[in-house]
Amino acid sequence: VDTIRLGTLADQLAPTLRRAMLHERIEFEARHDSLTGLPNRSSFERLLAATGPGYGAQLPPAVLLMDLDRFKEVNDTLGHLAGDELLVHFGDRLRGVIGDEGHLARLAGDEFGIVLPGVRADAVELILRRLQDTIGQEAELGGLAVTAEASMGYAMWPADADTADSLVQRADLALYSAKAARA
């Protein structure tokens, strides 16, 4: 009798559990990049809004944006699968450097963003150096050794901007200035 009741209960709960798991999966996919598993642009913007100007953090956040230099060449010469592999590898490396110090997201294509809550300018510079050192290490793609390079730009609140949107905009300007300097 107990087995029948438990079986019946399990049968009754199964559709509810499946719906809950599906809902959880849909929520995850809506907030994360499907290739790297990192948070996506929407999650990045939400997080920045929650940690950004006006939220009373003792030290305000910094936003760091970066993208791979000559990523199109990797896709064109080695193929899109190799490009995807490089993005995953790159995301893993960035995650290893950032750890719990900040929040990493893949924003689009080969562009990544980092929110560094409550950080001073000297700490941002240290993180930038660690990122550059890590990025410059070789990665193996389909049996070929590839060295990635990235351009980075950052902005800090309130020195560079007074809203979350303008903070991202200033970091983006710094990124493109860095890219122009490398060209």
Protein backbone atom coordinates (compact mmCIF):
# COMPACT_ATOMS: atom_id res chain seq x y z
CA VAL A 1 0.00 0.00 0.00
CA ASP A 2 2.79 2.44 0.90
CA THR A 3 4.59 1.68 -2.37
CA ILE A 4 1.48 2.44 -4.39
CA ARG A 5 0.93 5.72 -2.59
CA LEU A 6 4.56 6.78 -3.05
CA GLY A 7 4.47 5.75 -6.69
CA THR A 8 1.26 7.67 -7.21
CA LEU A 9 2.69 10.70 -5.46
CA ALA A 10 5.81 10.52 -7.60
CA ASP A 11 3.67 10.26 -10.74
CA GLN A 12 1.67 13.29 -9.64
CA LEU A 13 4.79 15.34 -8.85
CA ALA A 14 6.72 14.40 -12.00
CA PRO A 15 5.02 16.95 -14.33
CA THR A 16 5.47 19.69 -11.73
CA LEU A 17 9.15 18.84 -11.31
CA ARG A 18 9.66 18.75 -15.09
CA ARG A 19 8.03 22.17 -15.44
CA ALA A 20 10.17 23.59 -12.63
CA MET A 21 13.34 22.18 -14.19
CA LEU A 22 12.34 23.50 -17.62
CA HIS A 23 11.59 26.93 -16.15
CA GLU A 24 14.98 26.94 -14.41
CA ARG A 25 16.71 25.97 -17.67
CA ILE A 26 14.90 28.68 -19.63
CA GLU A 27 15.87 31.26 -16.98
CA PHE A 28 19.52 30.16 -17.18
CA GLU A 29 19.56 30.30 -20.98
CA ALA A 30 17.96 33.75 -20.97
CA ARG A 31 20.73 35.11 -18.76
CA HIS A 32 23.77 33.22 -20.05
CA ASP A 33 25.75 32.93 -23.24
CA SER A 34 25.11 29.55 -24.87
CA LEU A 35 28.71 29.09 -26.05
CA THR A 36 30.75 30.01 -22.96
CA GLY A 37 28.17 29.58 -20.21
CA LEU A 38 29.10 33.05 -18.95
CA PRO A 39 26.45 35.60 -18.05
CA ASN A 40 25.25 37.53 -21.12
CA ARG A 41 24.86 41.27 -21.81
CA SER A 42 21.47 41.40 -20.12
CA SER A 43 22.89 39.88 -16.92
CA PHE A 44 25.89 42.20 -17.12
CA GLU A 45 23.66 45.27 -17.35
CA ARG A 46 21.44 44.08 -14.50
CA LEU A 47 24.44 43.42 -12.29
CA LEU A 48 26.00 46.78 -13.07
CA ALA A 49 22.74 48.54 -12.30
CA ALA A 50 22.57 46.74 -8.95
CA THR A 51 26.18 47.52 -7.97
CA GLY A 52 26.57 50.82 -9.74
CA PRO A 53 26.09 54.46 -8.98
CA GLY A 54 23.37 55.19 -6.49
CA TYR A 55 23.54 51.93 -4.59
CA GLY A 56 25.71 53.18 -1.77
CA ALA A 57 28.71 50.90 -2.18
CA GLN A 58 31.66 52.04 -0.08
CA LEU A 59 33.86 51.92 -3.15
CA PRO A 60 32.11 52.41 -6.48
CA PRO A 61 32.44 49.93 -9.35
CA ALA A 62 34.70 49.89 -12.35
CA VAL A 63 33.71 48.49 -15.73
CA LEU A 64 36.31 46.79 -17.88
CA LEU A 65 35.55 45.90 -21.50
CA MET A 66 37.75 43.84 -23.79
CA ASP A 67 37.71 42.12 -27.10
CA LEU A 68 40.04 39.87 -29.00
CA ASP A 69 42.27 41.54 -31.56
CA ARG A 70 42.08 40.08 -35.08
CA PHE A 71 39.40 37.59 -34.07
CA LYS A 72 37.95 37.75 -37.58
CA GLU A 73 41.26 36.38 -38.89
CA VAL A 74 40.91 33.32 -36.65
CA ASN A 75 37.40 32.68 -38.00
CA ASP A 76 38.48 33.31 -41.60
CA THR A 77 41.64 31.17 -41.55
CA LEU A 78 40.88 28.42 -39.02
CA GLY A 79 37.08 28.35 -39.26
CA HIS A 80 34.22 29.28 -36.98
CA LEU A 81 34.58 26.16 -34.83
CA ALA A 82 38.15 27.21 -34.00
CA GLY A 83 36.87 30.72 -33.30
CA ASP A 84 34.25 29.30 -30.94
CA GLU A 85 36.91 27.17 -29.26
CA LEU A 86 39.07 30.27 -28.78
CA LEU A 87 36.16 32.18 -27.23
CA VAL A 88 35.50 29.36 -24.76
CA HIS A 89 39.21 29.12 -23.95
CA PHE A 90 39.46 32.90 -23.59
CA GLY A 91 36.39 33.00 -21.32
CA ASP A 92 37.85 30.27 -19.12
CA ARG A 93 41.12 32.17 -18.80
CA LEU A 94 39.35 35.39 -17.90
CA ARG A 95 37.23 33.56 -15.34
CA GLY A 96 40.41 32.18 -13.78
CA VAL A 97 41.91 35.65 -13.40
CA ILE A 98 38.77 37.42 -12.19
CA GLY A 99 37.61 34.74 -9.77
CA ASP A 100 35.53 36.30 -7.00
CA GLU A 101 36.96 39.80 -7.52
CA GLY A 102 34.43 40.72 -10.18
CA HIS A 103 31.68 39.57 -12.50
CA LEU A 104 32.56 38.42 -16.01
CA ALA A 105 30.14 38.30 -18.96
CA ARG A 106 30.32 37.66 -22.68
CA LEU A 107 28.61 40.68 -24.17
CA ALA A 108 28.62 39.75 -27.88
CA GLY A 109 30.91 38.20 -30.46
CA ASP A 110 34.42 38.48 -29.08
CA GLU A 111 33.55 41.20 -26.54
CA PHE A 112 33.68 40.51 -22.81
CA GLY A 113 32.80 42.75 -19.89
CA ILE A 114 33.78 42.75 -16.26
CA VAL A 115 32.14 44.59 -13.39
CA LEU A 116 34.58 45.13 -10.55
CA PRO A 117 32.51 46.25 -7.56
CA GLY A 118 34.17 48.32 -4.86
CA VAL A 119 37.65 48.60 -6.33
CA ARG A 120 40.33 51.30 -6.40
CA ALA A 121 42.16 52.42 -9.55
CA ASP A 122 45.41 50.69 -8.50
CA ALA A 123 43.55 47.38 -8.12
CA VAL A 124 42.05 47.79 -11.60
CA GLU A 125 45.54 48.32 -13.03
CA LEU A 126 46.76 45.17 -11.28
CA ILE A 127 43.84 43.16 -12.68
CA LEU A 128 44.54 44.55 -16.16
CA ARG A 129 48.15 43.37 -15.96
CA ARG A 130 47.08 39.91 -14.77
CA LEU A 131 44.57 39.71 -17.61
CA GLN A 132 47.17 40.72 -20.23
CA ASP A 133 49.63 38.12 -18.91
CA THR A 134 47.00 35.39 -19.05
CA ILE A 135 45.61 36.38 -22.43
CA GLY A 136 49.05 36.35 -24.03
CA GLN A 137 49.61 32.66 -23.27
CA GLU A 138 49.30 30.24 -26.17
CA ALA A 139 46.11 28.29 -26.75
CA GLU A 140 45.91 25.12 -28.80
CA LEU A 141 43.18 25.16 -31.44
CA GLY A 142 42.87 22.08 -33.58
CA GLY A 143 46.52 21.18 -33.09
CA LEU A 144 47.78 24.72 -33.80
CA ALA A 145 49.29 27.01 -31.19
CA VAL A 146 47.51 30.36 -31.27
CA THR A 147 48.43 33.39 -29.19
CA ALA A 148 45.48 35.65 -28.53
CA GLU A 149 45.77 39.35 -27.95
CA ALA A 150 43.08 41.58 -26.59
CA SER A 151 42.41 45.27 -26.28
CA MET A 152 40.95 46.54 -23.02
CA GLY A 153 39.41 49.70 -21.72
CA TYR A 154 37.92 50.61 -18.40
CA ALA A 155 36.07 53.36 -16.62
CA MET A 156 35.43 54.03 -12.96
CA TRP A 157 32.54 55.70 -11.21
CA PRO A 158 32.41 58.59 -10.35
CA ALA A 159 35.70 59.77 -11.89
CA ASP A 160 34.72 58.79 -15.43
CA ALA A 161 30.92 58.65 -15.34
CA ASP A 162 27.94 59.22 -13.09
CA THR A 163 25.49 56.59 -14.40
CA ALA A 164 25.77 52.90 -15.20
CA ASP A 165 25.10 53.55 -18.91
CA SER A 166 27.71 56.29 -19.15
CA LEU A 167 30.19 54.07 -17.29
CA VAL A 168 29.84 51.39 -19.99
CA GLN A 169 30.02 54.05 -22.70
CA ARG A 170 33.26 55.47 -21.26
CA ALA A 171 34.78 52.00 -20.93
CA ASP A 172 33.80 51.36 -24.55
CA LEU A 173 35.53 54.57 -25.65
CA ALA A 174 38.64 53.53 -23.73
CA LEU A 175 38.50 50.10 -25.41
CA TYR A 176 38.35 51.59 -28.89
CA SER A 177 41.13 54.00 -28.03
CA ALA A 178 43.26 51.00 -26.97
CA LYS A 179 42.38 49.18 -30.21
CA ALA A 180 43.37 52.22 -32.27
CA ALA A 181 46.68 52.46 -30.45
CA ARG A 182 47.45 48.81 -31.29
CA ALA A 183 46.66 49.18 -34.99
